[in-house]
Amino acid sequence: MVCGGFACSKNCLCALNLLYTLVSLLLIGIAAWGIGFGLISSFRVVGVAIAVGIFLFLIALVGLIGAVKHHQVLLFFYMIILLLVFIVQFSVSCACLALNKEQQSQLLEVGWNNTNSARTDIERNLNCCGFRTFDPNETCLSDCFRSHQCRPCLLVIEEYSGMVLRFVGGIGLFFSFTEILGVWLTYRYRNQKDPRANPSAFL
């Protein structure tokens, strides 16, 4: 049977949703591993990662059930949700790739000022203190604080932020194109007849 047939569309859609399921479980597992080993103490960061993982898992589950059963309603809602996710993810990925150094610095400072637990993790893991300047009178948990010879965290973060944003933007673009592929597969699959069903019935 050619790949444009019913069985091929079904198998491709199932494989795509199995991939989403694995990614969602990996995301949840990494978040749990990070907080379990003390690498991340910010429950807000972990909560967001787990919430995104659960959301992706539920979408994949809806798509998988809809593909296996050729369920029109589930496939329709799956297609709409996947299209909305694609729009958001594509926009965020393009923004990550388009940020210049000054915009990255402003974004990092906003994040730095809005979360204390993540700030502590950064200072401890990157061995730095303060954001733009090092103040020996402030409390800091990094090892360099004992000798009072710490670099500001902005200088350390900027060494990696560009690479991280390009990586995140690239991964986001890759998955956004798999999502638009999923929308196209779902649309085509919904309009195909199951050869095992009644030939006169449109499912």
N, C-alpha and C. Protein backbone atom coordinates (compact mmCIF):
# COMPACT_ATOMS: atom_id res chain seq x y z
N MET A 1 0.85 -1.20 0.00
CA MET A 1 0.00 0.00 0.00
C MET A 1 0.88 1.24 0.00
N VAL A 2 0.55 2.23 -0.80
CA VAL A 2 1.33 3.46 -0.86
C VAL A 2 1.15 4.25 0.42
N CYS A 3 2.09 5.19 0.64
CA CYS A 3 2.08 5.94 1.90
C CYS A 3 0.92 6.92 1.99
N GLY A 4 0.22 7.15 0.91
CA GLY A 4 -0.94 8.02 0.95
C GLY A 4 -2.19 7.32 1.41
N GLY A 5 -2.08 6.02 1.71
CA GLY A 5 -3.24 5.24 2.09
C GLY A 5 -3.63 5.40 3.54
N PHE A 6 -4.74 4.76 3.88
CA PHE A 6 -5.30 4.86 5.23
C PHE A 6 -4.33 4.31 6.27
N ALA A 7 -3.80 3.12 6.02
CA ALA A 7 -2.93 2.46 7.00
C ALA A 7 -1.66 3.26 7.25
N CYS A 8 -1.08 3.82 6.18
CA CYS A 8 0.16 4.59 6.33
C CYS A 8 -0.09 5.87 7.12
N SER A 9 -1.19 6.55 6.85
CA SER A 9 -1.53 7.77 7.60
C SER A 9 -1.73 7.46 9.07
N LYS A 10 -2.41 6.36 9.34
CA LYS A 10 -2.65 5.94 10.72
C LYS A 10 -1.34 5.62 11.43
N ASN A 11 -0.47 4.86 10.76
CA ASN A 11 0.80 4.47 11.38
C ASN A 11 1.70 5.68 11.62
N CYS A 12 1.74 6.61 10.67
CA CYS A 12 2.56 7.82 10.83
C CYS A 12 2.06 8.67 11.99
N LEU A 13 0.75 8.79 12.10
CA LEU A 13 0.16 9.59 13.18
C LEU A 13 0.42 8.94 14.53
N CYS A 14 0.32 7.62 14.59
CA CYS A 14 0.61 6.90 15.84
C CYS A 14 2.07 7.05 16.22
N ALA A 15 2.97 6.95 15.24
CA ALA A 15 4.41 7.09 15.51
C ALA A 15 4.74 8.49 16.01
N LEU A 16 4.12 9.51 15.42
CA LEU A 16 4.35 10.89 15.83
C LEU A 16 3.90 11.11 17.27
N ASN A 17 2.75 10.55 17.63
CA ASN A 17 2.25 10.73 18.99
C ASN A 17 3.03 9.91 20.01
N LEU A 18 3.58 8.78 19.58
CA LEU A 18 4.47 8.04 20.47
C LEU A 18 5.74 8.84 20.74
N LEU A 19 6.23 9.55 19.72
CA LEU A 19 7.39 10.43 19.90
C LEU A 19 7.06 11.54 20.90
N TYR A 20 5.90 12.16 20.78
CA TYR A 20 5.48 13.19 21.72
C TYR A 20 5.36 12.63 23.14
N THR A 21 4.86 11.40 23.25
CA THR A 21 4.74 10.76 24.57
C THR A 21 6.10 10.58 25.21
N LEU A 22 7.08 10.11 24.44
CA LEU A 22 8.43 9.91 24.97
C LEU A 22 9.06 11.24 25.38
N VAL A 23 8.86 12.28 24.57
CA VAL A 23 9.40 13.60 24.91
C VAL A 23 8.77 14.14 26.19
N SER A 24 7.46 13.96 26.35
CA SER A 24 6.78 14.44 27.55
C SER A 24 7.27 13.71 28.80
N LEU A 25 7.44 12.40 28.69
CA LEU A 25 7.93 11.63 29.84
C LEU A 25 9.38 12.01 30.16
N LEU A 26 10.17 12.27 29.12
CA LEU A 26 11.56 12.69 29.33
C LEU A 26 11.60 14.05 30.03
N LEU A 27 10.73 14.96 29.63
CA LEU A 27 10.67 16.28 30.25
C LEU A 27 10.29 16.19 31.73
N ILE A 28 9.29 15.38 32.03
CA ILE A 28 8.87 15.19 33.43
C ILE A 28 9.99 14.53 34.22
N GLY A 29 10.65 13.53 33.62
CA GLY A 29 11.73 12.82 34.30
C GLY A 29 12.93 13.71 34.60
N ILE A 30 13.29 14.59 33.64
CA ILE A 30 14.42 15.50 33.86
C ILE A 30 14.11 16.49 34.98
N ALA A 31 12.88 17.00 35.00
CA ALA A 31 12.48 17.94 36.06
C ALA A 31 12.54 17.26 37.43
N ALA A 32 12.03 16.03 37.51
CA ALA A 32 12.05 15.29 38.78
C ALA A 32 13.49 14.96 39.18
N TRP A 33 14.31 14.58 38.20
CA TRP A 33 15.72 14.27 38.48
C TRP A 33 16.46 15.50 38.98
N GLY A 34 16.20 16.65 38.37
CA GLY A 34 16.87 17.89 38.76
C GLY A 34 16.56 18.29 40.18
N ILE A 35 15.31 18.16 40.59
CA ILE A 35 14.95 18.55 41.96
C ILE A 35 15.35 17.45 42.95
N GLY A 36 15.36 16.19 42.48
CA GLY A 36 15.75 15.08 43.36
C GLY A 36 17.22 15.12 43.74
N PHE A 37 18.07 15.57 42.82
CA PHE A 37 19.51 15.64 43.07
C PHE A 37 19.95 17.02 43.53
N GLY A 38 18.99 17.91 43.77
CA GLY A 38 19.32 19.23 44.28
C GLY A 38 19.88 20.19 43.27
N LEU A 39 19.79 19.87 41.97
CA LEU A 39 20.29 20.78 40.94
C LEU A 39 19.37 21.96 40.74
N ILE A 40 18.07 21.74 41.01
CA ILE A 40 17.08 22.81 40.86
C ILE A 40 16.27 22.86 42.15
N SER A 41 16.25 24.02 42.78
CA SER A 41 15.46 24.17 44.00
C SER A 41 14.22 25.03 43.77
N SER A 42 14.10 25.59 42.58
CA SER A 42 12.95 26.44 42.26
C SER A 42 11.76 25.57 41.87
N PHE A 43 10.75 25.53 42.71
CA PHE A 43 9.56 24.74 42.42
C PHE A 43 8.76 25.36 41.27
N ARG A 44 8.94 26.66 41.03
CA ARG A 44 8.25 27.29 39.91
C ARG A 44 8.79 26.75 38.58
N VAL A 45 10.13 26.65 38.48
CA VAL A 45 10.75 26.12 37.26
C VAL A 45 10.35 24.67 37.06
N VAL A 46 10.44 23.88 38.12
CA VAL A 46 10.09 22.45 38.04
C VAL A 46 8.61 22.29 37.72
N GLY A 47 7.77 23.12 38.35
CA GLY A 47 6.33 23.06 38.11
C GLY A 47 5.98 23.35 36.66
N VAL A 48 6.64 24.36 36.07
CA VAL A 48 6.39 24.69 34.67
C VAL A 48 6.82 23.53 33.76
N ALA A 49 8.00 22.96 34.04
CA ALA A 49 8.49 21.85 33.21
C ALA A 49 7.56 20.65 33.30
N ILE A 50 7.11 20.32 34.50
CA ILE A 50 6.20 19.17 34.68
C ILE A 50 4.85 19.46 34.03
N ALA A 51 4.35 20.70 34.18
CA ALA A 51 3.06 21.06 33.57
C ALA A 51 3.12 20.95 32.05
N VAL A 52 4.23 21.42 31.45
CA VAL A 52 4.39 21.32 29.99
C VAL A 52 4.46 19.85 29.58
N GLY A 53 5.17 19.03 30.38
CA GLY A 53 5.26 17.60 30.09
C GLY A 53 3.91 16.91 30.15
N ILE A 54 3.12 17.23 31.17
CA ILE A 54 1.80 16.63 31.30
C ILE A 54 0.88 17.08 30.17
N PHE A 55 0.95 18.37 29.82
CA PHE A 55 0.14 18.90 28.72
C PHE A 55 0.48 18.19 27.41
N LEU A 56 1.77 18.02 27.14
CA LEU A 56 2.20 17.34 25.93
C LEU A 56 1.77 15.88 25.94
N PHE A 57 1.83 15.25 27.12
CA PHE A 57 1.42 13.86 27.24
C PHE A 57 -0.07 13.70 26.95
N LEU A 58 -0.88 14.61 27.46
CA LEU A 58 -2.33 14.54 27.22
C LEU A 58 -2.67 14.76 25.75
N ILE A 59 -1.97 15.71 25.12
CA ILE A 59 -2.19 15.93 23.68
C ILE A 59 -1.85 14.68 22.89
N ALA A 60 -0.69 14.08 23.23
CA ALA A 60 -0.26 12.86 22.53
C ALA A 60 -1.25 11.72 22.77
N LEU A 61 -1.80 11.64 23.98
CA LEU A 61 -2.77 10.58 24.29
C LEU A 61 -4.04 10.76 23.47
N VAL A 62 -4.52 11.99 23.38
CA VAL A 62 -5.71 12.28 22.56
C VAL A 62 -5.45 11.92 21.11
N GLY A 63 -4.29 12.31 20.59
CA GLY A 63 -3.95 12.00 19.20
C GLY A 63 -3.80 10.51 18.95
N LEU A 64 -3.24 9.80 19.92
CA LEU A 64 -3.03 8.37 19.77
C LEU A 64 -4.36 7.62 19.77
N ILE A 65 -5.25 7.96 20.71
CA ILE A 65 -6.57 7.32 20.78
C ILE A 65 -7.37 7.65 19.52
N GLY A 66 -7.31 8.92 19.12
CA GLY A 66 -8.04 9.32 17.91
C GLY A 66 -7.55 8.60 16.67
N ALA A 67 -6.21 8.39 16.58
CA ALA A 67 -5.65 7.71 15.41
C ALA A 67 -6.01 6.23 15.40
N VAL A 68 -5.93 5.59 16.56
CA VAL A 68 -6.22 4.15 16.63
C VAL A 68 -7.68 3.87 16.33
N LYS A 69 -8.57 4.69 16.88
CA LYS A 69 -10.00 4.47 16.71
C LYS A 69 -10.59 5.22 15.51
N HIS A 70 -9.79 6.04 14.86
CA HIS A 70 -10.27 6.89 13.76
C HIS A 70 -11.48 7.71 14.22
N HIS A 71 -11.32 8.30 15.42
CA HIS A 71 -12.40 9.04 16.07
C HIS A 71 -12.39 10.48 15.57
N GLN A 72 -13.45 10.86 14.87
CA GLN A 72 -13.50 12.15 14.21
C GLN A 72 -13.41 13.33 15.18
N VAL A 73 -14.14 13.26 16.30
CA VAL A 73 -14.16 14.38 17.25
C VAL A 73 -12.80 14.56 17.91
N LEU A 74 -12.21 13.46 18.38
CA LEU A 74 -10.89 13.54 19.00
C LEU A 74 -9.84 14.06 18.03
N LEU A 75 -9.89 13.58 16.81
CA LEU A 75 -8.93 14.03 15.80
C LEU A 75 -9.10 15.51 15.48
N PHE A 76 -10.35 15.99 15.48
CA PHE A 76 -10.60 17.40 15.20
C PHE A 76 -10.00 18.28 16.30
N PHE A 77 -10.29 17.95 17.58
CA PHE A 77 -9.75 18.75 18.69
C PHE A 77 -8.23 18.63 18.76
N TYR A 78 -7.71 17.44 18.47
CA TYR A 78 -6.27 17.24 18.45
C TYR A 78 -5.62 18.14 17.39
N MET A 79 -6.23 18.23 16.24
CA MET A 79 -5.71 19.04 15.15
C MET A 79 -5.72 20.53 15.51
N ILE A 80 -6.80 20.99 16.13
CA ILE A 80 -6.91 22.40 16.51
C ILE A 80 -5.88 22.75 17.59
N ILE A 81 -5.77 21.90 18.63
CA ILE A 81 -4.81 22.16 19.71
C ILE A 81 -3.39 22.15 19.19
N LEU A 82 -3.09 21.20 18.32
CA LEU A 82 -1.74 21.10 17.76
C LEU A 82 -1.41 22.32 16.91
N LEU A 83 -2.39 22.85 16.20
CA LEU A 83 -2.18 24.05 15.39
C LEU A 83 -1.89 25.26 16.28
N LEU A 84 -2.63 25.39 17.39
CA LEU A 84 -2.40 26.49 18.33
C LEU A 84 -1.02 26.38 18.98
N VAL A 85 -0.64 25.16 19.36
CA VAL A 85 0.69 24.93 19.95
C VAL A 85 1.78 25.28 18.94
N PHE A 86 1.55 24.92 17.68
CA PHE A 86 2.52 25.25 16.64
C PHE A 86 2.73 26.75 16.52
N ILE A 87 1.64 27.51 16.53
CA ILE A 87 1.73 28.97 16.38
C ILE A 87 2.54 29.57 17.53
N VAL A 88 2.22 29.14 18.77
CA VAL A 88 2.92 29.67 19.95
C VAL A 88 4.39 29.25 19.92
N GLN A 89 4.64 27.97 19.68
CA GLN A 89 6.01 27.46 19.73
C GLN A 89 6.87 28.05 18.62
N PHE A 90 6.31 28.19 17.44
CA PHE A 90 7.06 28.78 16.32
C PHE A 90 7.43 30.23 16.63
N SER A 91 6.49 30.97 17.22
CA SER A 91 6.75 32.38 17.56
C SER A 91 7.84 32.50 18.62
N VAL A 92 7.75 31.66 19.67
CA VAL A 92 8.76 31.70 20.73
C VAL A 92 10.13 31.30 20.20
N SER A 93 10.17 30.28 19.35
CA SER A 93 11.44 29.82 18.79
C SER A 93 12.10 30.90 17.94
N CYS A 94 11.31 31.57 17.12
CA CYS A 94 11.85 32.66 16.30
C CYS A 94 12.34 33.80 17.19
N ALA A 95 11.62 34.08 18.28
CA ALA A 95 12.05 35.14 19.20
C ALA A 95 13.37 34.79 19.87
N CYS A 96 13.55 33.51 20.24
CA CYS A 96 14.80 33.07 20.86
C CYS A 96 15.98 33.25 19.90
N LEU A 97 15.75 32.97 18.64
CA LEU A 97 16.82 33.09 17.65
C LEU A 97 17.11 34.53 17.26
N ALA A 98 16.14 35.43 17.50
CA ALA A 98 16.28 36.82 17.05
C ALA A 98 16.79 37.76 18.14
N LEU A 99 16.87 37.30 19.39
CA LEU A 99 17.28 38.18 20.48
C LEU A 99 18.74 38.61 20.33
N ASN A 100 19.01 39.90 20.49
CA ASN A 100 20.39 40.37 20.49
C ASN A 100 20.94 40.39 21.92
N LYS A 101 22.20 40.79 22.08
CA LYS A 101 22.85 40.75 23.39
C LYS A 101 22.14 41.62 24.42
N GLU A 102 21.74 42.82 24.01
CA GLU A 102 21.08 43.73 24.95
C GLU A 102 19.74 43.18 25.39
N GLN A 103 18.97 42.63 24.46
CA GLN A 103 17.67 42.03 24.80
C GLN A 103 17.85 40.81 25.69
N GLN A 104 18.88 40.01 25.43
CA GLN A 104 19.16 38.85 26.28
C GLN A 104 19.47 39.30 27.70
N SER A 105 20.28 40.36 27.83
CA SER A 105 20.64 40.88 29.14
C SER A 105 19.42 41.38 29.90
N GLN A 106 18.53 42.09 29.23
CA GLN A 106 17.31 42.60 29.87
C GLN A 106 16.40 41.45 30.30
N LEU A 107 16.29 40.44 29.44
CA LEU A 107 15.45 39.29 29.76
C LEU A 107 16.01 38.52 30.95
N LEU A 108 17.33 38.37 30.99
CA LEU A 108 17.97 37.67 32.11
C LEU A 108 17.78 38.42 33.42
N GLU A 109 17.85 39.75 33.35
CA GLU A 109 17.69 40.55 34.56
C GLU A 109 16.26 40.46 35.10
N VAL A 110 15.29 40.44 34.21
CA VAL A 110 13.89 40.28 34.65
C VAL A 110 13.72 38.93 35.35
N GLY A 111 14.26 37.87 34.75
CA GLY A 111 14.18 36.55 35.39
C GLY A 111 14.92 36.49 36.70
N TRP A 112 16.07 37.16 36.77
CA TRP A 112 16.88 37.19 37.99
C TRP A 112 16.13 37.87 39.13
N ASN A 113 15.45 38.95 38.83
CA ASN A 113 14.76 39.72 39.87
C ASN A 113 13.45 39.09 40.32
N ASN A 114 12.92 38.16 39.54
CA ASN A 114 11.59 37.62 39.84
C ASN A 114 11.62 36.25 40.53
N THR A 115 12.78 35.68 40.75
CA THR A 115 12.82 34.38 41.42
C THR A 115 14.07 34.26 42.28
N ASN A 116 13.86 34.04 43.57
CA ASN A 116 14.99 33.93 44.49
C ASN A 116 15.62 32.55 44.46
N SER A 117 14.80 31.51 44.34
CA SER A 117 15.33 30.14 44.38
C SER A 117 16.18 29.84 43.17
N ALA A 118 15.74 30.29 41.98
CA ALA A 118 16.54 30.09 40.78
C ALA A 118 17.84 30.88 40.86
N ARG A 119 17.78 32.06 41.47
CA ARG A 119 18.98 32.87 41.65
C ARG A 119 20.01 32.13 42.51
N THR A 120 19.54 31.48 43.56
CA THR A 120 20.43 30.70 44.43
C THR A 120 21.06 29.54 43.67
N ASP A 121 20.26 28.85 42.84
CA ASP A 121 20.78 27.74 42.04
C ASP A 121 21.87 28.22 41.09
N ILE A 122 21.64 29.37 40.45
CA ILE A 122 22.60 29.90 39.49
C ILE A 122 23.91 30.26 40.18
N GLU A 123 23.80 30.95 41.31
CA GLU A 123 25.01 31.34 42.04
C GLU A 123 25.81 30.13 42.51
N ARG A 124 25.11 29.11 42.97
CA ARG A 124 25.80 27.91 43.47
C ARG A 124 26.42 27.10 42.34
N ASN A 125 25.68 26.92 41.24
CA ASN A 125 26.16 26.06 40.16
C ASN A 125 27.19 26.74 39.25
N LEU A 126 27.07 28.06 39.07
CA LEU A 126 28.00 28.78 38.20
C LEU A 126 29.12 29.47 38.97
N ASN A 127 29.09 29.36 40.30
CA ASN A 127 30.14 29.93 41.16
C ASN A 127 30.30 31.43 40.90
N CYS A 128 29.19 32.15 41.06
CA CYS A 128 29.20 33.60 40.86
C CYS A 128 28.29 34.23 41.90
N CYS A 129 28.37 35.55 42.04
CA CYS A 129 27.53 36.25 43.02
C CYS A 129 27.05 37.58 42.44
N GLY A 130 25.79 37.90 42.71
CA GLY A 130 25.22 39.13 42.18
C GLY A 130 24.92 39.01 40.70
N PHE A 131 24.19 39.98 40.19
CA PHE A 131 23.86 39.92 38.77
C PHE A 131 24.84 40.76 37.94
N ARG A 132 24.81 42.08 38.11
CA ARG A 132 25.72 42.94 37.34
C ARG A 132 27.01 43.25 38.11
N THR A 133 26.90 43.31 39.44
CA THR A 133 28.07 43.62 40.26
C THR A 133 28.11 42.67 41.46
N PHE A 134 29.30 42.44 41.98
CA PHE A 134 29.48 41.59 43.16
C PHE A 134 29.53 42.47 44.40
N ASP A 135 28.62 42.20 45.34
CA ASP A 135 28.57 42.94 46.59
C ASP A 135 28.92 41.99 47.73
N PRO A 136 30.10 42.15 48.37
CA PRO A 136 30.50 41.22 49.45
C PRO A 136 29.61 41.28 50.68
N ASN A 137 28.77 42.31 50.77
CA ASN A 137 27.89 42.44 51.94
C ASN A 137 26.59 41.63 51.77
N GLU A 138 26.32 41.16 50.56
CA GLU A 138 25.13 40.36 50.32
C GLU A 138 25.42 38.88 50.57
N THR A 139 24.38 38.13 50.88
CA THR A 139 24.52 36.70 51.12
C THR A 139 24.60 35.96 49.79
N CYS A 140 25.56 35.04 49.70
CA CYS A 140 25.74 34.26 48.48
C CYS A 140 26.22 32.86 48.87
N LEU A 141 25.69 31.83 48.20
CA LEU A 141 26.00 30.44 48.55
C LEU A 141 27.09 29.82 47.68
N SER A 142 27.69 30.61 46.80
CA SER A 142 28.74 30.05 45.94
C SER A 142 30.05 29.89 46.71
N ASP A 143 30.92 29.02 46.21
CA ASP A 143 32.19 28.76 46.89
C ASP A 143 33.12 29.96 46.84
N CYS A 144 33.03 30.75 45.78
CA CYS A 144 33.92 31.90 45.65
C CYS A 144 33.64 32.98 46.67
N PHE A 145 32.46 32.94 47.31
CA PHE A 145 32.09 33.99 48.26
C PHE A 145 33.00 33.97 49.49
N ARG A 146 33.58 32.81 49.80
CA ARG A 146 34.46 32.71 50.97
C ARG A 146 35.71 33.56 50.79
N SER A 147 36.19 33.64 49.56
CA SER A 147 37.38 34.43 49.30
C SER A 147 37.05 35.85 48.83
N HIS A 148 35.75 36.13 48.68
CA HIS A 148 35.27 37.45 48.23
C HIS A 148 35.88 37.84 46.88
N GLN A 149 36.05 36.86 46.02
CA GLN A 149 36.56 37.13 44.68
C GLN A 149 35.65 36.44 43.66
N CYS A 150 34.45 36.94 43.56
CA CYS A 150 33.45 36.34 42.67
C CYS A 150 33.21 37.23 41.45
N ARG A 151 32.88 36.58 40.36
CA ARG A 151 32.47 37.30 39.15
C ARG A 151 30.97 37.56 39.22
N PRO A 152 30.50 38.66 38.66
CA PRO A 152 29.03 38.85 38.55
C PRO A 152 28.44 37.76 37.66
N CYS A 153 27.24 37.32 38.01
CA CYS A 153 26.63 36.19 37.30
C CYS A 153 26.30 36.55 35.85
N LEU A 154 26.06 37.83 35.57
CA LEU A 154 25.72 38.21 34.20
C LEU A 154 26.85 37.86 33.23
N LEU A 155 28.10 38.08 33.67
CA LEU A 155 29.24 37.78 32.81
C LEU A 155 29.35 36.29 32.53
N VAL A 156 29.04 35.47 33.54
CA VAL A 156 29.12 34.02 33.37
C VAL A 156 27.96 33.52 32.51
N ILE A 157 26.76 34.05 32.79
CA ILE A 157 25.58 33.59 32.05
C ILE A 157 25.68 33.98 30.58
N GLU A 158 26.21 35.17 30.30
CA GLU A 158 26.30 35.63 28.91
C GLU A 158 27.21 34.74 28.06
N GLU A 159 28.14 34.03 28.70
CA GLU A 159 28.99 33.12 27.96
C GLU A 159 28.20 31.96 27.36
N TYR A 160 27.07 31.62 28.01
CA TYR A 160 26.27 30.47 27.59
C TYR A 160 24.91 30.85 27.03
N SER A 161 24.41 32.05 27.36
CA SER A 161 23.02 32.38 27.03
C SER A 161 22.76 32.36 25.52
N GLY A 162 23.70 32.90 24.73
CA GLY A 162 23.50 32.90 23.28
C GLY A 162 23.41 31.49 22.72
N MET A 163 24.33 30.61 23.20
CA MET A 163 24.33 29.23 22.73
C MET A 163 23.05 28.51 23.16
N VAL A 164 22.63 28.75 24.41
CA VAL A 164 21.42 28.10 24.92
C VAL A 164 20.19 28.56 24.15
N LEU A 165 20.10 29.86 23.87
CA LEU A 165 18.94 30.38 23.14
C LEU A 165 18.90 29.82 21.72
N ARG A 166 20.07 29.71 21.08
CA ARG A 166 20.10 29.13 19.74
C ARG A 166 19.70 27.66 19.77
N PHE A 167 20.14 26.96 20.82
CA PHE A 167 19.78 25.55 20.95
C PHE A 167 18.28 25.39 21.19
N VAL A 168 17.75 26.18 22.12
CA VAL A 168 16.32 26.12 22.43
C VAL A 168 15.49 26.53 21.21
N GLY A 169 15.92 27.58 20.52
CA GLY A 169 15.20 28.02 19.33
C GLY A 169 15.23 26.97 18.23
N GLY A 170 16.38 26.32 18.04
CA GLY A 170 16.49 25.28 17.02
C GLY A 170 15.63 24.07 17.34
N ILE A 171 15.67 23.62 18.61
CA ILE A 171 14.83 22.48 19.01
C ILE A 171 13.36 22.84 18.88
N GLY A 172 13.01 24.08 19.28
CA GLY A 172 11.62 24.52 19.16
C GLY A 172 11.14 24.55 17.72
N LEU A 173 12.01 25.03 16.81
CA LEU A 173 11.65 25.05 15.39
C LEU A 173 11.47 23.63 14.84
N PHE A 174 12.35 22.72 15.26
CA PHE A 174 12.25 21.34 14.80
C PHE A 174 10.90 20.74 15.21
N PHE A 175 10.54 20.90 16.49
CA PHE A 175 9.29 20.31 16.96
C PHE A 175 8.07 21.06 16.41
N SER A 176 8.22 22.36 16.11
CA SER A 176 7.08 23.08 15.53
C SER A 176 6.76 22.54 14.13
N PHE A 177 7.80 22.14 13.39
CA PHE A 177 7.54 21.57 12.07
C PHE A 177 6.96 20.16 12.17
N THR A 178 7.31 19.42 13.23
CA THR A 178 6.66 18.11 13.43
C THR A 178 5.19 18.32 13.79
N GLU A 179 4.88 19.43 14.47
CA GLU A 179 3.49 19.71 14.83
C GLU A 179 2.65 20.06 13.60
N ILE A 180 3.21 20.86 12.70
CA ILE A 180 2.45 21.19 11.49
C ILE A 180 2.32 19.95 10.61
N LEU A 181 3.31 19.04 10.67
CA LEU A 181 3.20 17.75 9.99
C LEU A 181 2.05 16.94 10.60
N GLY A 182 1.95 16.98 11.94
CA GLY A 182 0.86 16.29 12.62
C GLY A 182 -0.50 16.84 12.25
N VAL A 183 -0.60 18.17 12.09
CA VAL A 183 -1.86 18.79 11.67
C VAL A 183 -2.24 18.30 10.27
N TRP A 184 -1.26 18.30 9.37
CA TRP A 184 -1.53 17.85 8.00
C TRP A 184 -1.92 16.37 7.95
N LEU A 185 -1.21 15.53 8.71
CA LEU A 185 -1.53 14.09 8.75
C LEU A 185 -2.93 13.86 9.31
N THR A 186 -3.26 14.62 10.37
CA THR A 186 -4.58 14.46 10.99
C THR A 186 -5.69 14.88 10.03
N TYR A 187 -5.48 16.00 9.34
CA TYR A 187 -6.49 16.47 8.38
C TYR A 187 -6.70 15.44 7.28
N ARG A 188 -5.62 14.89 6.77
CA ARG A 188 -5.73 13.90 5.70
C ARG A 188 -6.37 12.61 6.21
N TYR A 189 -5.96 12.19 7.41
CA TYR A 189 -6.45 10.93 7.98
C TYR A 189 -7.95 11.00 8.28
N ARG A 190 -8.42 12.19 8.75
CA ARG A 190 -9.84 12.34 9.06
C ARG A 190 -10.71 12.16 7.82
N ASN A 191 -10.17 12.52 6.66
CA ASN A 191 -10.96 12.49 5.44
C ASN A 191 -10.76 11.21 4.62
N GLN A 192 -10.11 10.24 5.22
CA GLN A 192 -9.93 8.96 4.55
C GLN A 192 -10.90 7.93 5.10
N LYS A 193 -11.30 6.99 4.25
CA LYS A 193 -12.22 5.93 4.65
C LYS A 193 -11.42 4.72 5.13
N ASP A 194 -11.96 4.11 6.19
CA ASP A 194 -11.37 2.87 6.69
C ASP A 194 -11.75 1.74 5.75
N PRO A 195 -10.80 1.09 5.09
CA PRO A 195 -11.14 0.03 4.13
C PRO A 195 -11.80 -1.17 4.78
N ARG A 196 -11.66 -1.31 6.10
CA ARG A 196 -12.28 -2.44 6.79
C ARG A 196 -13.73 -2.15 7.17
N ALA A 197 -14.13 -0.90 7.05
CA ALA A 197 -15.50 -0.54 7.42
C ALA A 197 -16.41 -0.66 6.20
N ASN A 198 -17.66 -0.31 6.39
CA ASN A 198 -18.64 -0.34 5.33
C ASN A 198 -18.23 0.65 4.23
N PRO A 199 -18.00 0.21 3.02
CA PRO A 199 -17.52 1.11 1.95
C PRO A 199 -18.44 2.30 1.71
N SER A 200 -19.69 2.18 2.02
CA SER A 200 -20.61 3.28 1.77
C SER A 200 -20.66 4.29 2.93
N ALA A 201 -19.96 3.96 4.05
CA ALA A 201 -19.98 4.84 5.22
C ALA A 201 -18.75 5.71 5.22
N PHE A 202 -18.92 6.99 5.50
CA PHE A 202 -17.79 7.91 5.59
C PHE A 202 -17.49 8.14 7.06
N LEU A 203 -16.30 7.76 7.48
CA LEU A 203 -15.92 7.88 8.90
C LEU A 203 -15.02 9.09 9.11
